C-alpha atoms as a PDB file:
ATOM      1  CA  UNK A   1      -7.113  26.898   8.790  1.00  0.00           C
ATOM      2  CA  UNK A   2     -10.393  26.665  10.657  1.00  0.00           C
ATOM      3  CA  UNK A   3     -10.880  24.763  13.871  1.00  0.00           C
ATOM      4  CA  UNK A   4     -13.234  22.388  12.057  1.00  0.00           C
ATOM      5  CA  UNK A   5     -10.612  21.583   9.430  1.00  0.00           C
ATOM      6  CA  UNK A   6      -7.912  21.033  12.035  1.00  0.00           C
ATOM      7  CA  UNK A   7     -10.164  18.783  14.111  1.00  0.00           C
ATOM      8  CA  UNK A   8     -11.196  16.752  11.083  1.00  0.00           C
ATOM      9  CA  UNK A   9      -7.612  16.261   9.943  1.00  0.00           C
ATOM     10  CA  UNK A  10      -6.677  15.173  13.463  1.00  0.00           C
ATOM     11  CA  UNK A  11      -9.593  12.714  13.475  1.00  0.00           C
ATOM     12  CA  UNK A  12      -8.383  11.195  10.196  1.00  0.00           C
ATOM     13  CA  UNK A  13      -4.788  11.008  11.459  1.00  0.00           C
ATOM     14  CA  UNK A  14      -5.832   9.318  14.702  1.00  0.00           C
ATOM     15  CA  UNK A  15      -8.084   6.866  12.866  1.00  0.00           C
ATOM     16  CA  UNK A  16      -5.230   5.906  10.548  1.00  0.00           C
ATOM     17  CA  UNK A  17      -2.938   5.326  13.513  1.00  0.00           C
ATOM     18  CA  UNK A  18      -5.571   3.244  15.284  1.00  0.00           C
ATOM     19  CA  UNK A  19      -6.124   1.153  12.163  1.00  0.00           C
ATOM     20  CA  UNK A  20      -2.395   0.579  11.693  1.00  0.00           C
ATOM     21  CA  UNK A  21      -2.041  -0.524  15.317  1.00  0.00           C
ATOM     22  CA  UNK A  22      -4.983  -2.904  15.030  1.00  0.00           C
ATOM     23  CA  UNK A  23      -3.531  -4.432  11.872  1.00  0.00           C
ATOM     24  CA  UNK A  24      -0.135  -4.893  13.552  1.00  0.00           C
ATOM     25  CA  UNK A  25      -1.843  -6.662  16.442  1.00  0.00           C
ATOM     26  CA  UNK A  26      -3.986  -8.838  14.152  1.00  0.00           C
ATOM     27  CA  UNK A  27      -7.055  -7.720  16.113  1.00  0.00           C
ATOM     28  CA  UNK A  28      -9.999  -8.325  13.781  1.00  0.00           C
ATOM     29  CA  UNK A  29     -12.560  -6.503  15.927  1.00  0.00           C
ATOM     30  CA  UNK A  30     -10.391  -3.417  16.495  1.00  0.00           C
ATOM     31  CA  UNK A  31      -9.484  -3.389  12.800  1.00  0.00           C
ATOM     32  CA  UNK A  32     -13.170  -3.304  11.848  1.00  0.00           C
ATOM     33  CA  UNK A  33     -13.933  -0.533  14.349  1.00  0.00           C
ATOM     34  CA  UNK A  34     -10.907   1.523  13.287  1.00  0.00           C
ATOM     35  CA  UNK A  35     -11.693   1.086   9.592  1.00  0.00           C
ATOM     36  CA  UNK A  36     -15.259   2.255  10.199  1.00  0.00           C
ATOM     37  CA  UNK A  37     -13.993   5.342  12.042  1.00  0.00           C
ATOM     38  CA  UNK A  38     -11.539   6.127   9.246  1.00  0.00           C
ATOM     39  CA  UNK A  39     -14.197   5.663   6.567  1.00  0.00           C
ATOM     40  CA  UNK A  40     -16.541   8.003   8.446  1.00  0.00           C
ATOM     41  CA  UNK A  41     -13.872  10.664   8.945  1.00  0.00           C
ATOM     42  CA  UNK A  42     -12.863  10.512   5.270  1.00  0.00           C
ATOM     43  CA  UNK A  43     -16.509  10.720   4.176  1.00  0.00           C
ATOM     44  CA  UNK A  44     -16.972  13.884   6.218  1.00  0.00           C
ATOM     45  CA  UNK A  45     -13.713  15.327   4.871  1.00  0.00           C
ATOM     46  CA  UNK A  46     -14.822  14.716   1.275  1.00  0.00           C
ATOM     47  CA  UNK A  47     -18.257  16.217   1.955  1.00  0.00           C
ATOM     48  CA  UNK A  48     -16.653  19.412   3.245  1.00  0.00           C
ATOM     49  CA  UNK A  49     -13.794  19.627   0.752  1.00  0.00           C
ATOM     50  CA  UNK A  50     -11.125  19.053   3.388  1.00  0.00           C
ATOM     51  CA  UNK A  51      -7.897  17.640   1.998  1.00  0.00           C
ATOM     52  CA  UNK A  52      -6.307  15.002   4.175  1.00  0.00           C
ATOM     53  CA  UNK A  53      -2.623  14.331   4.659  1.00  0.00           C
ATOM     54  CA  UNK A  54      -2.297  11.286   2.401  1.00  0.00           C
ATOM     55  CA  UNK A  55      -4.663  12.270  -0.385  1.00  0.00           C
ATOM     56  CA  UNK A  56      -4.415  15.772  -1.785  1.00  0.00           C
ATOM     57  CA  UNK A  57      -7.584  15.018  -3.753  1.00  0.00           C
ATOM     58  CA  UNK A  58      -9.676  15.425  -0.620  1.00  0.00           C
ATOM     59  CA  UNK A  59      -9.973  11.882   0.703  1.00  0.00           C
END
């Protein structure tokens, strides 16, 4: 696995954790920021054909 792929998967994992924490805390601002980060990371993963942990289809 390339360094790029590893870094991208880590970015997606961290964004998912951040989003989950924000949702648990009912923090609307942090939820919006975390969702944006996750969306961006998943968009990049799809563009480069990187499969992520939760979606073997590449998103």
